[in-house]
C-alpha atoms as a PDB file:
ATOM      1  CA  MET A   1       0.000   0.000   0.000  1.00  0.00           C
ATOM      2  CA  LEU A   2       0.986   3.630  -0.449  1.00  0.00           C
ATOM      3  CA  GLU A   3      -0.674   6.510   1.413  1.00  0.00           C
ATOM      4  CA  GLY A   4      -3.177   3.958   2.695  1.00  0.00           C
ATOM      5  CA  LYS A   5      -4.265   3.008  -0.855  1.00  0.00           C
ATOM      6  CA  THR A   6      -3.982  -0.410  -2.467  1.00  0.00           C
ATOM      7  CA  VAL A   7      -1.961  -0.357  -5.682  1.00  0.00           C
ATOM      8  CA  ALA A   8      -2.168  -2.702  -8.662  1.00  0.00           C
ATOM      9  CA  VAL A   9       0.155  -2.791 -11.662  1.00  0.00           C
ATOM     10  CA  VAL A  10      -1.038  -4.038 -15.045  1.00  0.00           C
ATOM     11  CA  VAL A  11       1.747  -5.535 -17.176  1.00  0.00           C
ATOM     12  CA  PRO A  12       0.695  -6.063 -20.832  1.00  0.00           C
ATOM     13  CA  ALA A  13       3.109  -8.450 -22.520  1.00  0.00           C
ATOM     14  CA  HIS A  14       3.461 -10.053 -25.934  1.00  0.00           C
ATOM     15  CA  ASP A  15       6.397 -12.393 -26.622  1.00  0.00           C
ATOM     16  CA  GLU A  16       8.413 -10.983 -23.731  1.00  0.00           C
ATOM     17  CA  GLU A  17       9.826 -14.174 -22.190  1.00  0.00           C
ATOM     18  CA  ALA A  18      13.328 -12.662 -22.141  1.00  0.00           C
ATOM     19  CA  LEU A  19      12.340  -9.489 -20.265  1.00  0.00           C
ATOM     20  CA  ILE A  20       9.207 -10.285 -18.257  1.00  0.00           C
ATOM     21  CA  GLY A  21      11.219 -11.582 -15.292  1.00  0.00           C
ATOM     22  CA  THR A  22      13.365  -8.452 -15.146  1.00  0.00           C
ATOM     23  CA  THR A  23      10.243  -6.281 -15.369  1.00  0.00           C
ATOM     24  CA  LEU A  24       8.477  -8.103 -12.539  1.00  0.00           C
ATOM     25  CA  GLY A  25      11.605  -8.106 -10.413  1.00  0.00           C
ATOM     26  CA  GLY A  26      11.814  -4.322 -10.520  1.00  0.00           C
ATOM     27  CA  ILE A  27       8.254  -3.615  -9.352  1.00  0.00           C
ATOM     28  CA  PRO A  28       8.431  -1.973  -5.897  1.00  0.00           C
ATOM     29  CA  ALA A  29       7.283  -3.657  -2.696  1.00  0.00           C
ATOM     30  CA  PHE A  30       4.436  -1.171  -2.081  1.00  0.00           C
ATOM     31  CA  VAL A  31       2.509  -2.692  -5.010  1.00  0.00           C
ATOM     32  CA  ASP A  32      -0.208  -5.068  -3.747  1.00  0.00           C
ATOM     33  CA  ARG A  33      -1.151  -6.844  -6.978  1.00  0.00           C
ATOM     34  CA  ILE A  34       0.570  -7.407 -10.324  1.00  0.00           C
ATOM     35  CA  VAL A  35      -1.698  -8.384 -13.227  1.00  0.00           C
ATOM     36  CA  VAL A  36       0.293  -9.791 -16.138  1.00  0.00           C
ATOM     37  CA  VAL A  37      -1.770  -9.962 -19.328  1.00  0.00           C
ATOM     38  CA  ASP A  38      -0.193 -12.283 -21.888  1.00  0.00           C
ATOM     39  CA  ASP A  39      -1.602 -10.980 -25.161  1.00  0.00           C
ATOM     40  CA  GLY A  40      -1.476 -14.125 -27.288  1.00  0.00           C
ATOM     41  CA  SER A  41       2.261 -14.714 -26.968  1.00  0.00           C
ATOM     42  CA  SER A  42       3.879 -17.470 -29.012  1.00  0.00           C
ATOM     43  CA  ASP A  43       6.672 -17.932 -26.464  1.00  0.00           C
ATOM     44  CA  ALA A  44       6.848 -18.749 -22.752  1.00  0.00           C
ATOM     45  CA  THR A  45       5.879 -15.296 -21.462  1.00  0.00           C
ATOM     46  CA  ALA A  46       2.931 -16.583 -19.394  1.00  0.00           C
ATOM     47  CA  ASP A  47       4.907 -19.499 -17.939  1.00  0.00           C
ATOM     48  CA  ARG A  48       7.806 -17.224 -16.958  1.00  0.00           C
ATOM     49  CA  ALA A  49       5.360 -14.924 -15.173  1.00  0.00           C
ATOM     50  CA  ARG A  50       3.587 -17.774 -13.367  1.00  0.00           C
ATOM     51  CA  THR A  51       6.837 -19.310 -12.153  1.00  0.00           C
ATOM     52  CA  PHE A  52       8.454 -16.009 -11.191  1.00  0.00           C
ATOM     53  CA  GLY A  53       7.870 -16.717  -7.526  1.00  0.00           C
ATOM     54  CA  ASP A  54       5.969 -13.591  -6.466  1.00  0.00           C
ATOM     55  CA  ALA A  55       2.623 -14.188  -4.771  1.00  0.00           C
ATOM     56  CA  ARG A  56       1.381 -10.810  -6.009  1.00  0.00           C
ATOM     57  CA  VAL A  57       1.441 -11.942  -9.654  1.00  0.00           C
ATOM     58  CA  ASP A  58      -1.868 -12.801 -11.313  1.00  0.00           C
ATOM     59  CA  VAL A  59      -1.555 -14.010 -14.929  1.00  0.00           C
ATOM     60  CA  VAL A  60      -4.339 -13.547 -17.486  1.00  0.00           C
ATOM     61  CA  VAL A  61      -3.941 -15.009 -20.985  1.00  0.00           C
ATOM     62  CA  HIS A  62      -5.493 -13.877 -24.256  1.00  0.00           C
ATOM     63  CA  GLU A  63      -5.761 -16.860 -26.581  1.00  0.00           C
ATOM     64  CA  ARG A  64      -4.979 -14.610 -29.542  1.00  0.00           C
ATOM     65  CA  ASN A  65      -3.145 -11.324 -29.934  1.00  0.00           C
ATOM     66  CA  ARG A  66      -5.711  -8.537 -29.506  1.00  0.00           C
ATOM     67  CA  GLY A  67      -3.475  -5.472 -29.194  1.00  0.00           C
ATOM     68  CA  VAL A  68      -1.809  -3.657 -26.336  1.00  0.00           C
ATOM     69  CA  GLY A  69      -4.922  -1.599 -25.576  1.00  0.00           C
ATOM     70  CA  ALA A  70      -7.043  -4.722 -25.221  1.00  0.00           C
ATOM     71  CA  ALA A  71      -4.430  -6.208 -22.882  1.00  0.00           C
ATOM     72  CA  ILE A  72      -4.482  -3.071 -20.726  1.00  0.00           C
ATOM     73  CA  VAL A  73      -8.293  -3.044 -20.605  1.00  0.00           C
ATOM     74  CA  THR A  74      -8.292  -6.712 -19.509  1.00  0.00           C
ATOM     75  CA  GLY A  75      -5.766  -5.847 -16.812  1.00  0.00           C
ATOM     76  CA  TYR A  76      -7.796  -2.817 -15.714  1.00  0.00           C
ATOM     77  CA  ARG A  77     -10.888  -4.964 -15.252  1.00  0.00           C
ATOM     78  CA  ARG A  78      -8.992  -7.584 -13.251  1.00  0.00           C
ATOM     79  CA  ALA A  79      -7.406  -4.892 -11.046  1.00  0.00           C
ATOM     80  CA  LEU A  80     -10.858  -3.438 -10.314  1.00  0.00           C
ATOM     81  CA  GLU A  81     -12.042  -6.929  -9.373  1.00  0.00           C
ATOM     82  CA  HIS A  82      -9.184  -7.032  -6.862  1.00  0.00           C
ATOM     83  CA  GLY A  83     -10.446  -3.726  -5.428  1.00  0.00           C
ATOM     84  CA  ALA A  84      -7.374  -1.634  -6.268  1.00  0.00           C
ATOM     85  CA  ASP A  85      -7.525   2.041  -5.363  1.00  0.00           C
ATOM     86  CA  VAL A  86      -4.785   2.988  -7.827  1.00  0.00           C
ATOM     87  CA  VAL A  87      -4.105   1.063 -11.038  1.00  0.00           C
ATOM     88  CA  CYS A  88      -0.823   1.501 -12.928  1.00  0.00           C
ATOM     89  CA  VAL A  89       0.481   0.268 -16.268  1.00  0.00           C
ATOM     90  CA  MET A  90       4.047  -0.916 -16.865  1.00  0.00           C
ATOM     91  CA  ALA A  91       4.950  -2.601 -20.152  1.00  0.00           C
ATOM     92  CA  GLY A  92       6.505  -6.061 -20.025  1.00  0.00           C
ATOM     93  CA  ASP A  93       9.569  -5.030 -22.041  1.00  0.00           C
ATOM     94  CA  ASN A  94      11.407  -3.398 -19.111  1.00  0.00           C
ATOM     95  CA  GLN A  95      11.379   0.044 -20.790  1.00  0.00           C
ATOM     96  CA  MET A  96       9.753   1.774 -17.822  1.00  0.00           C
ATOM     97  CA  ASP A  97      11.953   2.722 -14.890  1.00  0.00           C
ATOM     98  CA  PRO A  98      10.372   1.227 -11.708  1.00  0.00           C
ATOM     99  CA  ALA A  99      11.996   4.004  -9.681  1.00  0.00           C
ATOM    100  CA  ASP A 100       9.446   6.391 -11.244  1.00  0.00           C
ATOM    101  CA  LEU A 101       6.409   4.370 -10.141  1.00  0.00           C
ATOM    102  CA  ALA A 102       6.036   6.048  -6.753  1.00  0.00           C
ATOM    103  CA  THR A 103       6.165   9.453  -8.475  1.00  0.00           C
ATOM    104  CA  LEU A 104       3.099   8.490 -10.501  1.00  0.00           C
ATOM    105  CA  VAL A 105       1.185   6.734  -7.726  1.00  0.00           C
ATOM    106  CA  LEU A 106       1.547   9.303  -4.936  1.00  0.00           C
ATOM    107  CA  PRO A 107      -0.446  12.204  -6.486  1.00  0.00           C
ATOM    108  CA  VAL A 108      -3.224   9.778  -7.459  1.00  0.00           C
ATOM    109  CA  ALA A 109      -3.298   8.134  -4.034  1.00  0.00           C
ATOM    110  CA  ARG A 110      -3.464  11.565  -2.383  1.00  0.00           C
ATOM    111  CA  GLY A 111      -6.374  12.620  -4.612  1.00  0.00           C
ATOM    112  CA  GLU A 112      -4.429  15.408  -6.296  1.00  0.00           C
ATOM    113  CA  VAL A 113      -5.033  14.035  -9.803  1.00  0.00           C
ATOM    114  CA  ASP A 114      -7.138  11.293 -11.370  1.00  0.00           C
ATOM    115  CA  TYR A 115      -4.563  10.189 -13.953  1.00  0.00           C
ATOM    116  CA  ALA A 116      -0.794  10.539 -13.811  1.00  0.00           C
ATOM    117  CA  LYS A 117       1.383   9.737 -16.794  1.00  0.00           C
ATOM    118  CA  ALA A 118       5.097   9.666 -17.440  1.00  0.00           C
ATOM    119  CA  ASN A 119       6.617  12.200 -19.792  1.00  0.00           C
ATOM    120  CA  ARG A 120       9.970  11.175 -21.269  1.00  0.00           C
ATOM    121  CA  LEU A 121      10.348  14.505 -23.068  1.00  0.00           C
ATOM    122  CA  PHE A 122      10.846  16.595 -19.918  1.00  0.00           C
ATOM    123  CA  THR A 123      14.434  15.468 -19.586  1.00  0.00           C
ATOM    124  CA  GLY A 124      17.183  16.539 -21.955  1.00  0.00           C
ATOM    125  CA  GLN A 125      18.081  12.859 -22.340  1.00  0.00           C
ATOM    126  CA  ALA A 126      15.069  12.191 -24.563  1.00  0.00           C
ATOM    127  CA  TRP A 127      16.570  13.468 -27.840  1.00  0.00           C
ATOM    128  CA  LYS A 128      19.729  11.435 -27.227  1.00  0.00           C
ATOM    129  CA  LEU A 129      18.133   8.190 -26.000  1.00  0.00           C
ATOM    130  CA  ILE A 130      14.900   7.872 -27.973  1.00  0.00           C
ATOM    131  CA  PRO A 131      15.328   6.710 -31.604  1.00  0.00           C
ATOM    132  CA  ARG A 132      14.803   9.648 -33.986  1.00  0.00           C
ATOM    133  CA  THR A 133      11.790   8.188 -35.801  1.00  0.00           C
ATOM    134  CA  ARG A 134      10.059   7.472 -32.495  1.00  0.00           C
ATOM    135  CA  TYR A 135      10.850  10.930 -31.148  1.00  0.00           C
ATOM    136  CA  LEU A 136       9.530  12.759 -34.221  1.00  0.00           C
ATOM    137  CA  GLY A 137       6.500  10.482 -34.558  1.00  0.00           C
ATOM    138  CA  ASN A 138       5.753  11.013 -30.879  1.00  0.00           C
ATOM    139  CA  ALA A 139       6.017  14.799 -31.305  1.00  0.00           C
ATOM    140  CA  VAL A 140       3.485  14.804 -34.156  1.00  0.00           C
ATOM    141  CA  LEU A 141       1.032  12.548 -32.322  1.00  0.00           C
ATOM    142  CA  SER A 142       1.420  14.534 -29.094  1.00  0.00           C
ATOM    143  CA  MET A 143       0.380  17.751 -30.840  1.00  0.00           C
ATOM    144  CA  LEU A 144      -2.626  16.094 -32.471  1.00  0.00           C
ATOM    145  CA  THR A 145      -3.584  14.509 -29.140  1.00  0.00           C
ATOM    146  CA  LYS A 146      -3.560  17.912 -27.427  1.00  0.00           C
ATOM    147  CA  ILE A 147      -6.170  19.151 -29.899  1.00  0.00           C
ATOM    148  CA  ALA A 148      -8.276  15.988 -29.845  1.00  0.00           C
ATOM    149  CA  SER A 149      -8.235  15.412 -26.082  1.00  0.00           C
ATOM    150  CA  GLY A 150      -8.369  18.981 -24.785  1.00  0.00           C
ATOM    151  CA  TYR A 151      -5.393  18.335 -22.502  1.00  0.00           C
ATOM    152  CA  TRP A 152      -3.163  21.050 -23.886  1.00  0.00           C
ATOM    153  CA  HIS A 153      -0.734  20.753 -20.980  1.00  0.00           C
ATOM    154  CA  VAL A 154      -0.008  17.057 -21.633  1.00  0.00           C
ATOM    155  CA  ALA A 155       2.794  15.846 -23.910  1.00  0.00           C
ATOM    156  CA  ASP A 156       4.472  12.516 -24.774  1.00  0.00           C
ATOM    157  CA  SER A 157       1.073  11.081 -25.636  1.00  0.00           C
ATOM    158  CA  GLN A 158       2.523   7.661 -26.540  1.00  0.00           C
ATOM    159  CA  SER A 159       3.854   7.033 -23.044  1.00  0.00           C
ATOM    160  CA  GLY A 160       2.035   4.057 -21.555  1.00  0.00           C
ATOM    161  CA  TYR A 161       3.547   4.425 -18.084  1.00  0.00           C
ATOM    162  CA  THR A 162       0.509   5.620 -16.126  1.00  0.00           C
ATOM    163  CA  ALA A 163      -1.463   5.528 -12.882  1.00  0.00           C
ATOM    164  CA  ILE A 164      -5.214   6.061 -12.579  1.00  0.00           C
ATOM    165  CA  ALA A 165      -7.577   6.338  -9.631  1.00  0.00           C
ATOM    166  CA  GLY A 166      -9.841   3.332  -9.223  1.00  0.00           C
ATOM    167  CA  PRO A 167     -13.097   5.362  -8.985  1.00  0.00           C
ATOM    168  CA  MET A 168     -12.283   7.227 -12.217  1.00  0.00           C
ATOM    169  CA  LEU A 169     -11.383   3.983 -13.974  1.00  0.00           C
ATOM    170  CA  ALA A 170     -14.612   2.342 -12.806  1.00  0.00           C
ATOM    171  CA  GLN A 171     -16.814   4.979 -14.434  1.00  0.00           C
ATOM    172  CA  LEU A 172     -15.105   4.936 -17.844  1.00  0.00           C
ATOM    173  CA  ASP A 173     -16.752   2.969 -20.652  1.00  0.00           C
ATOM    174  CA  LEU A 174     -13.803   0.708 -21.448  1.00  0.00           C
ATOM    175  CA  GLU A 175     -15.780  -0.987 -24.216  1.00  0.00           C
ATOM    176  CA  ARG A 176     -15.542   2.186 -26.309  1.00  0.00           C
ATOM    177  CA  VAL A 177     -11.801   2.777 -25.950  1.00  0.00           C
ATOM    178  CA  TYR A 178      -9.646   1.969 -28.979  1.00  0.00           C
ATOM    179  CA  THR A 179      -7.597  -1.163 -28.249  1.00  0.00           C
ATOM    180  CA  GLY A 180      -4.783  -0.801 -30.801  1.00  0.00           C
ATOM    181  CA  TYR A 181      -1.549   1.165 -30.634  1.00  0.00           C
ATOM    182  CA  GLY A 182      -3.512   4.422 -30.320  1.00  0.00           C
ATOM    183  CA  PHE A 183      -4.944   3.350 -26.946  1.00  0.00           C
ATOM    184  CA  PRO A 184      -3.176   6.028 -24.820  1.00  0.00           C
ATOM    185  CA  ASN A 185      -4.321   8.775 -27.218  1.00  0.00           C
ATOM    186  CA  ASP A 186      -7.946   7.677 -27.252  1.00  0.00           C
ATOM    187  CA  PHE A 187      -7.888   7.068 -23.493  1.00  0.00           C
ATOM    188  CA  LEU A 188      -7.041  10.734 -22.913  1.00  0.00           C
ATOM    189  CA  VAL A 189     -10.032  11.739 -25.054  1.00  0.00           C
ATOM    190  CA  HIS A 190     -12.320   9.614 -22.866  1.00  0.00           C
ATOM    191  CA  LEU A 191     -10.799  10.986 -19.665  1.00  0.00           C
ATOM    192  CA  ASN A 192     -11.485  14.545 -20.786  1.00  0.00           C
ATOM    193  CA  VAL A 193     -15.176  13.829 -21.318  1.00  0.00           C
ATOM    194  CA  TRP A 194     -15.311  12.872 -17.621  1.00  0.00           C
ATOM    195  CA  ASN A 195     -13.295  15.975 -16.627  1.00  0.00           C
ATOM    196  CA  ALA A 196     -10.493  13.860 -15.180  1.00  0.00           C
ATOM    197  CA  ARG A 197      -7.518  15.759 -13.770  1.00  0.00           C
ATOM    198  CA  VAL A 198      -4.455  14.671 -15.742  1.00  0.00           C
ATOM    199  CA  ARG A 199      -0.834  15.573 -15.094  1.00  0.00           C
ATOM    200  CA  ASP A 200       2.558  14.719 -16.609  1.00  0.00           C
ATOM    201  CA  PHE A 201       5.524  13.692 -14.469  1.00  0.00           C
ATOM    202  CA  PRO A 202       9.154  13.448 -15.623  1.00  0.00           C
ATOM    203  CA  SER A 203      10.415   9.957 -16.388  1.00  0.00           C
ATOM    204  CA  ARG A 204      13.777   8.686 -17.564  1.00  0.00           C
ATOM    205  CA  PRO A 205      13.688   7.131 -21.073  1.00  0.00           C
ATOM    206  CA  VAL A 206      14.878   3.509 -21.092  1.00  0.00           C
ATOM    207  CA  TYR A 207      16.117   1.965 -24.342  1.00  0.00           C
ATOM    208  CA  GLY A 208      18.646  -0.635 -25.401  1.00  0.00           C
ATOM    209  CA  VAL A 209      17.606  -3.312 -22.887  1.00  0.00           C
ATOM    210  CA  GLY A 210      16.786  -5.932 -25.510  1.00  0.00           C
ATOM    211  CA  GLU A 211      13.310  -4.707 -26.382  1.00  0.00           C
ATOM    212  CA  ARG A 212      11.898  -5.208 -29.848  1.00  0.00           C
ATOM    213  CA  SER A 213       9.632  -2.792 -31.675  1.00  0.00           C
ATOM    214  CA  GLY A 214       7.706  -3.523 -34.843  1.00  0.00           C
ATOM    215  CA  ILE A 215       6.146  -0.055 -34.965  1.00  0.00           C
ATOM    216  CA  ARG A 216       6.326   1.720 -38.319  1.00  0.00           C
ATOM    217  CA  TYR A 217       5.490   5.371 -37.765  1.00  0.00           C
ATOM    218  CA  HIS A 218       4.793   6.064 -41.453  1.00  0.00           C
ATOM    219  CA  ARG A 219       1.856   3.682 -41.039  1.00  0.00           C
ATOM    220  CA  VAL A 220       0.958   4.384 -37.432  1.00  0.00           C
ATOM    221  CA  VAL A 221       0.789   8.198 -37.610  1.00  0.00           C
ATOM    222  CA  PRO A 222      -1.900   8.370 -40.361  1.00  0.00           C
ATOM    223  CA  ARG A 223      -3.986   5.686 -38.624  1.00  0.00           C
ATOM    224  CA  ILE A 224      -3.859   7.351 -35.213  1.00  0.00           C
ATOM    225  CA  SER A 225      -4.440  10.769 -36.805  1.00  0.00           C
ATOM    226  CA  TRP A 226      -7.733   9.476 -38.216  1.00  0.00           C
ATOM    227  CA  LEU A 227      -8.560   7.967 -34.809  1.00  0.00           C
ATOM    228  CA  LEU A 228      -7.902  11.324 -33.146  1.00  0.00           C
ATOM    229  CA  LEU A 229     -10.025  13.196 -35.693  1.00  0.00           C
ATOM    230  CA  ARG A 230     -12.984  10.966 -34.870  1.00  0.00           C
ATOM    231  CA  GLY A 231     -12.224  11.252 -31.161  1.00  0.00           C
ATOM    232  CA  PHE A 232     -12.112  15.040 -31.419  1.00  0.00           C
ATOM    233  CA  PHE A 233     -15.623  15.301 -32.852  1.00  0.00           C
ATOM    234  CA  TRP A 234     -16.919  12.652 -30.434  1.00  0.00           C
ATOM    235  CA  ARG A 235     -15.506  14.626 -27.493  1.00  0.00           C
ATOM    236  CA  LEU A 236     -17.077  17.878 -28.711  1.00  0.00           C
ATOM    237  CA  ARG A 237     -20.464  16.196 -29.016  1.00  0.00           C
ATOM    238  CA  GLU A 238     -20.298  14.368 -25.687  1.00  0.00           C
ATOM    239  CA  LYS A 239     -18.767  17.129 -23.574  1.00  0.00           C
ATOM    240  CA  TYR A 240     -19.975  20.374 -25.134  1.00  0.00           C
ATOM    241  CA  VAL A 241     -23.346  19.408 -26.611  1.00  0.00           C
ATOM    242  CA  ILE A 242     -24.862  16.412 -24.800  1.00  0.00           C
ATOM    243  CA  ARG A 243     -23.515  16.756 -21.247  1.00  0.00           C
ATOM    244  CA  ASP A 244     -23.116  20.528 -20.938  1.00  0.00           C
ATOM    245  CA  PHE A 245     -23.488  22.992 -23.793  1.00  0.00           C
ATOM    246  CA  HIS A 246     -20.600  25.323 -24.621  1.00  0.00           C
ATOM    247  CA  PRO A 247     -20.626  27.973 -27.391  1.00  0.00           C
ATOM    248  CA  LEU A 248     -17.205  26.900 -28.656  1.00  0.00           C
ATOM    249  CA  VAL A 249     -18.975  24.313 -30.814  1.00  0.00           C
ATOM    250  CA  PHE A 250     -20.382  27.193 -32.883  1.00  0.00           C
ATOM    251  CA  PHE A 251     -16.926  28.674 -33.381  1.00  0.00           C
ATOM    252  CA  TYR A 252     -15.554  25.290 -34.448  1.00  0.00           C
ATOM    253  CA  ALA A 253     -18.532  24.711 -36.776  1.00  0.00           C
ATOM    254  CA  PHE A 254     -18.310  28.155 -38.408  1.00  0.00           C
ATOM    255  CA  GLY A 255     -14.529  27.906 -38.648  1.00  0.00           C
ATOM    256  CA  PHE A 256     -14.476  24.470 -40.281  1.00  0.00           C
ATOM    257  CA  LEU A 257     -17.348  25.373 -42.635  1.00  0.00           C
ATOM    258  CA  ALA A 258     -15.722  28.636 -43.746  1.00  0.00           C
ATOM    259  CA  MET A 259     -12.346  26.966 -44.343  1.00  0.00           C
ATOM    260  CA  LEU A 260     -13.966  24.107 -46.257  1.00  0.00           C
ATOM    261  CA  VAL A 261     -15.965  26.451 -48.512  1.00  0.00           C
ATOM    262  CA  GLY A 262     -12.914  28.660 -49.062  1.00  0.00           C
ATOM    263  CA  PHE A 263     -10.734  25.658 -49.908  1.00  0.00           C
ATOM    264  CA  VAL A 264     -13.265  24.227 -52.371  1.00  0.00           C
ATOM    265  CA  LEU A 265     -13.786  27.614 -54.050  1.00  0.00           C
ATOM    266  CA  GLY A 266     -10.027  28.053 -54.232  1.00  0.00           C
ATOM    267  CA  LEU A 267      -9.628  24.733 -56.041  1.00  0.00           C
ATOM    268  CA  ILE A 268     -12.433  25.626 -58.471  1.00  0.00           C
ATOM    269  CA  GLU A 269     -10.916  29.019 -59.219  1.00  0.00           C
ATOM    270  CA  LEU A 270      -7.480  27.464 -59.630  1.00  0.00           C
ATOM    271  CA  GLY A 271      -8.966  25.068 -62.178  1.00  0.00           C
ATOM    272  CA  PHE A 272     -10.513  27.968 -64.089  1.00  0.00           C
ATOM    273  CA  ARG A 273      -7.211  29.833 -64.036  1.00  0.00           C
ATOM    274  CA  LEU A 274      -5.249  26.831 -65.314  1.00  0.00           C
ATOM    275  CA  ALA A 275      -7.811  26.480 -68.102  1.00  0.00           C
ATOM    276  CA  GLY A 276      -6.965  30.014 -69.266  1.00  0.00           C
ATOM    277  CA  ASN A 277      -9.980  31.827 -67.839  1.00  0.00           C
ATOM    278  CA  GLN A 278      -9.813  35.111 -65.973  1.00  0.00           C
ATOM    279  CA  VAL A 279     -10.374  35.131 -62.210  1.00  0.00           C
ATOM    280  CA  SER A 280     -12.183  38.122 -60.722  1.00  0.00           C
ATOM    281  CA  VAL A 281     -10.611  40.080 -57.881  1.00  0.00           C
ATOM    282  CA  GLY A 282     -13.844  39.815 -55.885  1.00  0.00           C
ATOM    283  CA  THR A 283     -13.696  36.017 -55.965  1.00  0.00           C
ATOM    284  CA  VAL A 284     -10.098  35.982 -54.788  1.00  0.00           C
ATOM    285  CA  VAL A 285     -10.968  38.349 -51.942  1.00  0.00           C
ATOM    286  CA  LEU A 286     -13.933  36.152 -50.967  1.00  0.00           C
ATOM    287  CA  ILE A 287     -11.747  33.043 -50.861  1.00  0.00           C
ATOM    288  CA  ALA A 288      -9.108  34.799 -48.774  1.00  0.00           C
ATOM    289  CA  LEU A 289     -11.782  36.127 -46.414  1.00  0.00           C
ATOM    290  CA  LEU A 290     -13.305  32.665 -45.939  1.00  0.00           C
ATOM    291  CA  LEU A 291      -9.934  31.051 -45.216  1.00  0.00           C
ATOM    292  CA  LEU A 292      -8.789  33.781 -42.847  1.00  0.00           C
ATOM    293  CA  SER A 293     -12.066  34.085 -40.949  1.00  0.00           C
ATOM    294  CA  GLY A 294     -12.395  30.295 -40.776  1.00  0.00           C
ATOM    295  CA  SER A 295      -8.944  29.883 -39.295  1.00  0.00           C
ATOM    296  CA  GLN A 296      -9.629  32.664 -36.790  1.00  0.00           C
ATOM    297  CA  PHE A 297     -12.885  31.026 -35.694  1.00  0.00           C
ATOM    298  CA  ALA A 298     -11.098  27.683 -35.273  1.00  0.00           C
ATOM    299  CA  LEU A 299      -8.214  29.208 -33.311  1.00  0.00           C
ATOM    300  CA  PHE A 300     -10.628  31.056 -31.038  1.00  0.00           C
ATOM    301  CA  ALA A 301     -12.499  27.791 -30.435  1.00  0.00           C
ATOM    302  CA  MET A 302      -9.185  26.149 -29.472  1.00  0.00           C
ATOM    303  CA  TRP A 303      -8.521  28.959 -27.020  1.00  0.00           C
ATOM    304  CA  LEU A 304     -11.979  28.481 -25.470  1.00  0.00           C
ATOM    305  CA  ASP A 305     -11.256  24.756 -25.226  1.00  0.00           C
ATOM    306  CA  MET A 306      -7.971  25.470 -23.441  1.00  0.00           C
ATOM    307  CA  GLU A 307      -9.742  27.784 -20.996  1.00  0.00           C
ATOM    308  CA  SER A 308     -12.455  25.206 -20.352  1.00  0.00           C
ATOM    309  CA  ASN A 309      -9.868  22.554 -19.477  1.00  0.00           C
ATOM    310  CA  LYS A 310      -7.242  24.641 -17.691  1.00  0.00           C
ATOM    311  CA  ASP A 311      -8.288  23.342 -14.266  1.00  0.00           C
ATOM    312  CA  LEU A 312      -7.907  19.673 -15.270  1.00  0.00           C
ATOM    313  CA  ARG A 313      -4.269  19.385 -14.243  1.00  0.00           C
END
């Protein structure tokens, strides 16, 4: 226990027989329950976890690989069944420094925040230690996640090293959360709808410990970008229309509509110009006005969104 709260750690793992023992061995003594979710591994990951020799370990096995998000959701549900007050996530590849776990758990256990997450970008080591493609891909997805989730103060969106309060976790609709690689991004969107207080905490990046990554950011970034676009509009509807109306939806609607009309008219006029026809000055002015006013409406809506969520930290 920590601060009088029971703590559970969810360890999603897929083909991690070489590192699962090291990961489990580093989990601090204040953790009451460790839920290892073997996500359809083809190796001995589950057996290594079962025979590790720690009574706190509870192993759950997916018969087929369902994705890291699905593994985390399974672990979340099992941790809630165990009655955990604080539920953390540590990957089974030993890339999360166990010395940082208390830093994440304490503010949640004390009721200061509902969700604490590690941020590897706080430290100057990040650019040197994180592979360049991961760093740049993370930067792009972090910016898009800020817009989609409303948590403008949160960065390093791909970090899966987290701690969440049990009551907040219990009220989330885990069935709706995306269970692929974009899980942490979509999870933030869902947390914002419930007005969860979220805060970043510095964490040391850990690489070169034998982990394997099959992530291809040129494929992942477009897929998660589409996921975030859908999540953005879902959040606006749920939070600012259905649950409590906010006028920023009008600014977003007018902004997007004006930019869309201006863009379409611009393409039409460009086609006429390339065909050798004359373009009137009035039409050009109208297009410029639509694009400028649309972008201003959208930026103002973002500012209103930031103001609405400034206390959720």
